[in-house]
Amino acid sequence: MSDDKKPREAKQVSFDPETENEGEGSRTAARLYDAGAEKMAKSGSVEELAEKAKDALEGEEGDELKRAEEQAKNANLPPRR
């Protein structure tokens, strides 16, 4: 058999989540998000932050925040699954 017809050996692939792109559906990103969301929920500061957000919407920056929200809603993004 000539060299160009020999079966190829499987390459060993190592994965380093710090440097590699996992692609869509990244498990590393999902784990980090879940851990952060859980930490936030358990911190007890959710109510305080919700109150700050409400105050911001009702305050001087409210119009700007509402415009930004509308722009985000109208952005040409793929539908969420």
PDB file of N, CA and C in Angstrom:
ATOM      1  N   MET A   1       0.853  -1.181   0.000  1.00  0.00           N
ATOM      2  CA  MET A   1       0.000   0.000   0.000  1.00  0.00           C
ATOM      3  C   MET A   1       0.898   1.244   0.000  1.00  0.00           C
ATOM      4  N   SER A   2       0.592   2.227  -0.827  1.00  0.00           N
ATOM      5  CA  SER A   2       1.414   3.429  -0.870  1.00  0.00           C
ATOM      6  C   SER A   2       1.101   4.305   0.337  1.00  0.00           C
ATOM      7  N   ASP A   3       1.987   5.269   0.584  1.00  0.00           N
ATOM      8  CA  ASP A   3       1.832   6.133   1.766  1.00  0.00           C
ATOM      9  C   ASP A   3       0.517   6.903   1.769  1.00  0.00           C
ATOM     10  N   ASP A   4       0.045   7.300   0.607  1.00  0.00           N
ATOM     11  CA  ASP A   4      -1.181   8.092   0.582  1.00  0.00           C
ATOM     12  C   ASP A   4      -2.436   7.240   0.738  1.00  0.00           C
ATOM     13  N   LYS A   5      -2.311   5.949   0.781  1.00  0.00           N
ATOM     14  CA  LYS A   5      -3.464   5.056   0.933  1.00  0.00           C
ATOM     15  C   LYS A   5      -3.508   4.386   2.307  1.00  0.00           C
ATOM     16  N   LYS A   6      -2.529   4.662   3.146  1.00  0.00           N
ATOM     17  CA  LYS A   6      -2.519   4.074   4.486  1.00  0.00           C
ATOM     18  C   LYS A   6      -3.618   4.713   5.330  1.00  0.00           C
ATOM     19  N   PRO A   7      -4.241   3.915   6.190  1.00  0.00           N
ATOM     20  CA  PRO A   7      -5.244   4.508   7.086  1.00  0.00           C
ATOM     21  C   PRO A   7      -4.600   5.555   7.991  1.00  0.00           C
ATOM     22  N   ARG A   8      -5.318   6.600   8.230  1.00  0.00           N
ATOM     23  CA  ARG A   8      -4.808   7.661   9.110  1.00  0.00           C
ATOM     24  C   ARG A   8      -4.971   7.250  10.557  1.00  0.00           C
ATOM     25  N   GLU A   9      -4.018   7.649  11.357  1.00  0.00           N
ATOM     26  CA  GLU A   9      -4.115   7.396  12.793  1.00  0.00           C
ATOM     27  C   GLU A   9      -4.999   8.479  13.402  1.00  0.00           C
ATOM     28  N   ALA A  10      -5.773   8.081  14.382  1.00  0.00           N
ATOM     29  CA  ALA A  10      -6.628   9.045  15.076  1.00  0.00           C
ATOM     30  C   ALA A  10      -5.754  10.002  15.868  1.00  0.00           C
ATOM     31  N   LYS A  11      -6.065  11.265  15.763  1.00  0.00           N
ATOM     32  CA  LYS A  11      -5.322  12.279  16.515  1.00  0.00           C
ATOM     33  C   LYS A  11      -5.884  12.360  17.922  1.00  0.00           C
ATOM     34  N   GLN A  12      -5.009  12.508  18.861  1.00  0.00           N
ATOM     35  CA  GLN A  12      -5.459  12.729  20.237  1.00  0.00           C
ATOM     36  C   GLN A  12      -5.833  14.196  20.367  1.00  0.00           C
ATOM     37  N   VAL A  13      -6.996  14.436  20.892  1.00  0.00           N
ATOM     38  CA  VAL A  13      -7.470  15.803  21.044  1.00  0.00           C
ATOM     39  C   VAL A  13      -7.604  16.103  22.523  1.00  0.00           C
ATOM     40  N   SER A  14      -6.956  17.166  22.925  1.00  0.00           N
ATOM     41  CA  SER A  14      -7.118  17.595  24.318  1.00  0.00           C
ATOM     42  C   SER A  14      -8.021  18.816  24.310  1.00  0.00           C
ATOM     43  N   PHE A  15      -8.737  18.995  25.375  1.00  0.00           N
ATOM     44  CA  PHE A  15      -9.658  20.116  25.454  1.00  0.00           C
ATOM     45  C   PHE A  15      -9.351  20.930  26.695  1.00  0.00           C
ATOM     46  N   ASP A  16      -9.080  22.182  26.481  1.00  0.00           N
ATOM     47  CA  ASP A  16      -8.836  23.124  27.572  1.00  0.00           C
ATOM     48  C   ASP A  16      -9.920  24.192  27.493  1.00  0.00           C
ATOM     49  N   PRO A  17     -10.906  24.162  28.406  1.00  0.00           N
ATOM     50  CA  PRO A  17     -12.013  25.128  28.325  1.00  0.00           C
ATOM     51  C   PRO A  17     -11.565  26.576  28.439  1.00  0.00           C
ATOM     52  N   GLU A  18     -10.369  26.808  28.938  1.00  0.00           N
ATOM     53  CA  GLU A  18      -9.881  28.187  29.047  1.00  0.00           C
ATOM     54  C   GLU A  18      -9.460  28.742  27.684  1.00  0.00           C
ATOM     55  N   THR A  19      -9.079  27.872  26.754  1.00  0.00           N
ATOM     56  CA  THR A  19      -8.564  28.342  25.478  1.00  0.00           C
ATOM     57  C   THR A  19      -9.360  27.848  24.280  1.00  0.00           C
ATOM     58  N   GLU A  20     -10.210  26.875  24.440  1.00  0.00           N
ATOM     59  CA  GLU A  20     -10.924  26.287  23.319  1.00  0.00           C
ATOM     60  C   GLU A  20     -12.363  26.788  23.259  1.00  0.00           C
ATOM     61  N   ASN A  21     -12.873  26.897  22.052  1.00  0.00           N
ATOM     62  CA  ASN A  21     -14.262  27.275  21.838  1.00  0.00           C
ATOM     63  C   ASN A  21     -15.100  26.004  21.851  1.00  0.00           C
ATOM     64  N   GLU A  22     -16.033  25.911  22.772  1.00  0.00           N
ATOM     65  CA  GLU A  22     -16.894  24.737  22.854  1.00  0.00           C
ATOM     66  C   GLU A  22     -18.028  24.810  21.846  1.00  0.00           C
ATOM     67  N   GLY A  23     -18.236  25.936  21.266  1.00  0.00           N
ATOM     68  CA  GLY A  23     -19.315  26.089  20.300  1.00  0.00           C
ATOM     69  C   GLY A  23     -20.633  26.396  20.989  1.00  0.00           C
ATOM     70  N   GLU A  24     -21.688  26.352  20.191  1.00  0.00           N
ATOM     71  CA  GLU A  24     -23.017  26.644  20.711  1.00  0.00           C
ATOM     72  C   GLU A  24     -23.402  25.583  21.738  1.00  0.00           C
ATOM     73  N   GLY A  25     -23.984  26.000  22.827  1.00  0.00           N
ATOM     74  CA  GLY A  25     -24.363  25.046  23.866  1.00  0.00           C
ATOM     75  C   GLY A  25     -23.212  24.727  24.795  1.00  0.00           C
ATOM     76  N   SER A  26     -22.323  25.671  25.005  1.00  0.00           N
ATOM     77  CA  SER A  26     -21.142  25.482  25.837  1.00  0.00           C
ATOM     78  C   SER A  26     -21.522  25.010  27.243  1.00  0.00           C
ATOM     79  N   ARG A  27     -21.070  23.835  27.595  1.00  0.00           N
ATOM     80  CA  ARG A  27     -21.362  23.300  28.936  1.00  0.00           C
ATOM     81  C   ARG A  27     -20.644  24.094  30.014  1.00  0.00           C
ATOM     82  N   THR A  28     -19.430  24.536  29.702  1.00  0.00           N
ATOM     83  CA  THR A  28     -18.677  25.334  30.678  1.00  0.00           C
ATOM     84  C   THR A  28     -19.412  26.631  30.978  1.00  0.00           C
ATOM     85  N   ALA A  29     -19.869  27.319  29.942  1.00  0.00           N
ATOM     86  CA  ALA A  29     -20.604  28.566  30.140  1.00  0.00           C
ATOM     87  C   ALA A  29     -21.889  28.318  30.907  1.00  0.00           C
ATOM     88  N   ALA A  30     -22.575  27.230  30.592  1.00  0.00           N
ATOM     89  CA  ALA A  30     -23.822  26.904  31.283  1.00  0.00           C
ATOM     90  C   ALA A  30     -23.562  26.660  32.768  1.00  0.00           C
ATOM     91  N   ARG A  31     -22.507  25.922  33.082  1.00  0.00           N
ATOM     92  CA  ARG A  31     -22.183  25.663  34.494  1.00  0.00           C
ATOM     93  C   ARG A  31     -21.835  26.952  35.222  1.00  0.00           C
ATOM     94  N   LEU A  32     -21.043  27.814  34.581  1.00  0.00           N
ATOM     95  CA  LEU A  32     -20.667  29.082  35.212  1.00  0.00           C
ATOM     96  C   LEU A  32     -21.889  29.970  35.426  1.00  0.00           C
ATOM     97  N   TYR A  33     -22.768  30.029  34.436  1.00  0.00           N
ATOM     98  CA  TYR A  33     -23.986  30.822  34.578  1.00  0.00           C
ATOM     99  C   TYR A  33     -24.845  30.280  35.713  1.00  0.00           C
ATOM    100  N   ASP A  34     -25.063  28.972  35.718  1.00  0.00           N
ATOM    101  CA  ASP A  34     -25.896  28.357  36.756  1.00  0.00           C
ATOM    102  C   ASP A  34     -25.332  28.617  38.146  1.00  0.00           C
ATOM    103  N   ALA A  35     -24.008  28.496  38.278  1.00  0.00           N
ATOM    104  CA  ALA A  35     -23.375  28.734  39.586  1.00  0.00           C
ATOM    105  C   ALA A  35     -23.559  30.186  40.011  1.00  0.00           C
ATOM    106  N   GLY A  36     -23.397  31.112  39.073  1.00  0.00           N
ATOM    107  CA  GLY A  36     -23.581  32.527  39.387  1.00  0.00           C
ATOM    108  C   GLY A  36     -25.013  32.867  39.743  1.00  0.00           C
ATOM    109  N   ALA A  37     -25.958  32.289  38.997  1.00  0.00           N
ATOM    110  CA  ALA A  37     -27.376  32.543  39.274  1.00  0.00           C
ATOM    111  C   ALA A  37     -27.762  31.985  40.643  1.00  0.00           C
ATOM    112  N   GLU A  38     -27.260  30.805  40.959  1.00  0.00           N
ATOM    113  CA  GLU A  38     -27.566  30.215  42.262  1.00  0.00           C
ATOM    114  C   GLU A  38     -26.965  31.049  43.395  1.00  0.00           C
ATOM    115  N   LYS A  39     -25.727  31.482  43.198  1.00  0.00           N
ATOM    116  CA  LYS A  39     -25.065  32.306  44.217  1.00  0.00           C
ATOM    117  C   LYS A  39     -25.843  33.615  44.430  1.00  0.00           C
ATOM    118  N   MET A  40     -26.289  34.199  43.334  1.00  0.00           N
ATOM    119  CA  MET A  40     -27.049  35.447  43.425  1.00  0.00           C
ATOM    120  C   MET A  40     -28.363  35.222  44.166  1.00  0.00           C
ATOM    121  N   ALA A  41     -29.055  34.155  43.830  1.00  0.00           N
ATOM    122  CA  ALA A  41     -30.341  33.870  44.468  1.00  0.00           C
ATOM    123  C   ALA A  41     -30.182  33.620  45.958  1.00  0.00           C
ATOM    124  N   LYS A  42     -29.100  32.949  46.341  1.00  0.00           N
ATOM    125  CA  LYS A  42     -28.871  32.627  47.749  1.00  0.00           C
ATOM    126  C   LYS A  42     -28.303  33.799  48.535  1.00  0.00           C
ATOM    127  N   SER A  43     -27.813  34.825  47.850  1.00  0.00           N
ATOM    128  CA  SER A  43     -27.144  35.936  48.527  1.00  0.00           C
ATOM    129  C   SER A  43     -28.114  36.795  49.332  1.00  0.00           C
ATOM    130  N   GLY A  44     -29.385  36.758  48.962  1.00  0.00           N
ATOM    131  CA  GLY A  44     -30.352  37.582  49.678  1.00  0.00           C
ATOM    132  C   GLY A  44     -30.431  39.004  49.163  1.00  0.00           C
ATOM    133  N   SER A  45     -29.626  39.348  48.170  1.00  0.00           N
ATOM    134  CA  SER A  45     -29.635  40.727  47.683  1.00  0.00           C
ATOM    135  C   SER A  45     -30.542  40.921  46.471  1.00  0.00           C
ATOM    136  N   VAL A  46     -31.294  39.901  46.105  1.00  0.00           N
ATOM    137  CA  VAL A  46     -32.165  39.995  44.933  1.00  0.00           C
ATOM    138  C   VAL A  46     -33.208  41.096  45.129  1.00  0.00           C
ATOM    139  N   GLU A  47     -33.853  41.127  46.273  1.00  0.00           N
ATOM    140  CA  GLU A  47     -34.875  42.148  46.532  1.00  0.00           C
ATOM    141  C   GLU A  47     -34.272  43.551  46.489  1.00  0.00           C
ATOM    142  N   GLU A  48     -33.101  43.698  47.066  1.00  0.00           N
ATOM    143  CA  GLU A  48     -32.431  45.006  47.078  1.00  0.00           C
ATOM    144  C   GLU A  48     -32.119  45.454  45.643  1.00  0.00           C
ATOM    145  N   LEU A  49     -31.594  44.554  44.832  1.00  0.00           N
ATOM    146  CA  LEU A  49     -31.266  44.899  43.452  1.00  0.00           C
ATOM    147  C   LEU A  49     -32.523  45.160  42.627  1.00  0.00           C
ATOM    148  N   ALA A  50     -33.590  44.436  42.896  1.00  0.00           N
ATOM    149  CA  ALA A  50     -34.849  44.677  42.205  1.00  0.00           C
ATOM    150  C   ALA A  50     -35.372  46.071  42.536  1.00  0.00           C
ATOM    151  N   GLU A  51     -35.242  46.468  43.770  1.00  0.00           N
ATOM    152  CA  GLU A  51     -35.677  47.810  44.185  1.00  0.00           C
ATOM    153  C   GLU A  51     -34.833  48.885  43.494  1.00  0.00           C
ATOM    154  N   LYS A  52     -33.519  48.656  43.393  1.00  0.00           N
ATOM    155  CA  LYS A  52     -32.642  49.615  42.699  1.00  0.00           C
ATOM    156  C   LYS A  52     -33.030  49.720  41.221  1.00  0.00           C
ATOM    157  N   ALA A  53     -33.350  48.591  40.600  1.00  0.00           N
ATOM    158  CA  ALA A  53     -33.748  48.599  39.191  1.00  0.00           C
ATOM    159  C   ALA A  53     -35.052  49.376  39.018  1.00  0.00           C
ATOM    160  N   LYS A  54     -35.980  49.162  39.924  1.00  0.00           N
ATOM    161  CA  LYS A  54     -37.259  49.885  39.872  1.00  0.00           C
ATOM    162  C   LYS A  54     -37.026  51.384  40.013  1.00  0.00           C
ATOM    163  N   ASP A  55     -36.180  51.760  40.962  1.00  0.00           N
ATOM    164  CA  ASP A  55     -35.874  53.177  41.168  1.00  0.00           C
ATOM    165  C   ASP A  55     -35.225  53.788  39.925  1.00  0.00           C
ATOM    166  N   ALA A  56     -34.332  53.022  39.278  1.00  0.00           N
ATOM    167  CA  ALA A  56     -33.668  53.515  38.070  1.00  0.00           C
ATOM    168  C   ALA A  56     -34.683  53.724  36.955  1.00  0.00           C
ATOM    169  N   LEU A  57     -35.620  52.794  36.803  1.00  0.00           N
ATOM    170  CA  LEU A  57     -36.641  52.925  35.764  1.00  0.00           C
ATOM    171  C   LEU A  57     -37.564  54.113  36.019  1.00  0.00           C
ATOM    172  N   GLU A  58     -37.812  54.399  37.275  1.00  0.00           N
ATOM    173  CA  GLU A  58     -38.705  55.501  37.626  1.00  0.00           C
ATOM    174  C   GLU A  58     -37.963  56.826  37.762  1.00  0.00           C
ATOM    175  N   GLY A  59     -36.644  56.783  37.758  1.00  0.00           N
ATOM    176  CA  GLY A  59     -35.838  57.985  37.950  1.00  0.00           C
ATOM    177  C   GLY A  59     -35.429  58.653  36.654  1.00  0.00           C
ATOM    178  N   GLU A  60     -34.370  59.473  36.748  1.00  0.00           N
ATOM    179  CA  GLU A  60     -33.883  60.260  35.614  1.00  0.00           C
ATOM    180  C   GLU A  60     -33.462  59.405  34.424  1.00  0.00           C
ATOM    181  N   GLU A  61     -32.903  58.249  34.667  1.00  0.00           N
ATOM    182  CA  GLU A  61     -32.419  57.419  33.564  1.00  0.00           C
ATOM    183  C   GLU A  61     -33.485  56.478  33.006  1.00  0.00           C
ATOM    184  N   GLY A  62     -34.694  56.593  33.507  1.00  0.00           N
ATOM    185  CA  GLY A  62     -35.770  55.699  33.096  1.00  0.00           C
ATOM    186  C   GLY A  62     -36.049  55.711  31.603  1.00  0.00           C
ATOM    187  N   ASP A  63     -36.119  56.913  31.007  1.00  0.00           N
ATOM    188  CA  ASP A  63     -36.399  57.001  29.569  1.00  0.00           C
ATOM    189  C   ASP A  63     -35.303  56.315  28.756  1.00  0.00           C
ATOM    190  N   GLU A  64     -34.080  56.548  29.139  1.00  0.00           N
ATOM    191  CA  GLU A  64     -32.950  55.934  28.432  1.00  0.00           C
ATOM    192  C   GLU A  64     -32.988  54.404  28.566  1.00  0.00           C
ATOM    193  N   LEU A  65     -33.285  53.916  29.751  1.00  0.00           N
ATOM    194  CA  LEU A  65     -33.377  52.468  29.962  1.00  0.00           C
ATOM    195  C   LEU A  65     -34.513  51.856  29.145  1.00  0.00           C
ATOM    196  N   LYS A  66     -35.636  52.557  29.081  1.00  0.00           N
ATOM    197  CA  LYS A  66     -36.777  52.054  28.308  1.00  0.00           C
ATOM    198  C   LYS A  66     -36.468  52.043  26.810  1.00  0.00           C
ATOM    199  N   ARG A  67     -35.752  53.065  26.323  1.00  0.00           N
ATOM    200  CA  ARG A  67     -35.342  53.070  24.909  1.00  0.00           C
ATOM    201  C   ARG A  67     -34.413  51.892  24.621  1.00  0.00           C
ATOM    202  N   ALA A  68     -33.470  51.650  25.522  1.00  0.00           N
ATOM    203  CA  ALA A  68     -32.542  50.531  25.346  1.00  0.00           C
ATOM    204  C   ALA A  68     -33.289  49.203  25.344  1.00  0.00           C
ATOM    205  N   GLU A  69     -34.291  49.085  26.203  1.00  0.00           N
ATOM    206  CA  GLU A  69     -35.095  47.865  26.246  1.00  0.00           C
ATOM    207  C   GLU A  69     -35.828  47.653  24.920  1.00  0.00           C
ATOM    208  N   GLU A  70     -36.409  48.716  24.377  1.00  0.00           N
ATOM    209  CA  GLU A  70     -37.124  48.609  23.106  1.00  0.00           C
ATOM    210  C   GLU A  70     -36.176  48.244  21.973  1.00  0.00           C
ATOM    211  N   GLN A  71     -34.979  48.834  21.973  1.00  0.00           N
ATOM    212  CA  GLN A  71     -33.996  48.499  20.939  1.00  0.00           C
ATOM    213  C   GLN A  71     -33.632  47.019  21.025  1.00  0.00           C
ATOM    214  N   ALA A  72     -33.455  46.531  22.224  1.00  0.00           N
ATOM    215  CA  ALA A  72     -33.108  45.117  22.401  1.00  0.00           C
ATOM    216  C   ALA A  72     -34.262  44.210  21.956  1.00  0.00           C
ATOM    217  N   LYS A  73     -35.485  44.605  22.270  1.00  0.00           N
ATOM    218  CA  LYS A  73     -36.649  43.817  21.870  1.00  0.00           C
ATOM    219  C   LYS A  73     -36.808  43.781  20.357  1.00  0.00           C
ATOM    220  N   ASN A  74     -36.439  44.858  19.690  1.00  0.00           N
ATOM    221  CA  ASN A  74     -36.623  44.956  18.242  1.00  0.00           C
ATOM    222  C   ASN A  74     -35.393  44.537  17.449  1.00  0.00           C
ATOM    223  N   ALA A  75     -34.353  44.123  18.130  1.00  0.00           N
ATOM    224  CA  ALA A  75     -33.134  43.691  17.444  1.00  0.00           C
ATOM    225  C   ALA A  75     -33.433  42.449  16.611  1.00  0.00           C
ATOM    226  N   ASN A  76     -32.764  42.327  15.513  1.00  0.00           N
ATOM    227  CA  ASN A  76     -32.963  41.184  14.627  1.00  0.00           C
ATOM    228  C   ASN A  76     -32.165  39.995  15.141  1.00  0.00           C
ATOM    229  N   LEU A  77     -32.687  39.371  16.152  1.00  0.00           N
ATOM    230  CA  LEU A  77     -32.024  38.224  16.779  1.00  0.00           C
ATOM    231  C   LEU A  77     -32.793  36.947  16.496  1.00  0.00           C
ATOM    232  N   PRO A  78     -32.087  35.831  16.493  1.00  0.00           N
ATOM    233  CA  PRO A  78     -32.825  34.564  16.322  1.00  0.00           C
ATOM    234  C   PRO A  78     -33.734  34.330  17.519  1.00  0.00           C
ATOM    235  N   PRO A  79     -34.841  33.636  17.313  1.00  0.00           N
ATOM    236  CA  PRO A  79     -35.776  33.378  18.435  1.00  0.00           C
ATOM    237  C   PRO A  79     -35.127  32.519  19.500  1.00  0.00           C
ATOM    238  N   ARG A  80     -35.499  32.770  20.748  1.00  0.00           N
ATOM    239  CA  ARG A  80     -34.995  31.973  21.870  1.00  0.00           C
ATOM    240  C   ARG A  80     -35.705  30.639  21.869  1.00  0.00           C
ATOM    241  N   ARG A  81     -34.985  29.628  22.247  1.00  0.00           N
ATOM    242  CA  ARG A  81     -35.567  28.279  22.291  1.00  0.00           C
ATOM    243  C   ARG A  81     -36.066  27.954  23.652  1.00  0.00           C
TER     244      ARG A  81
END
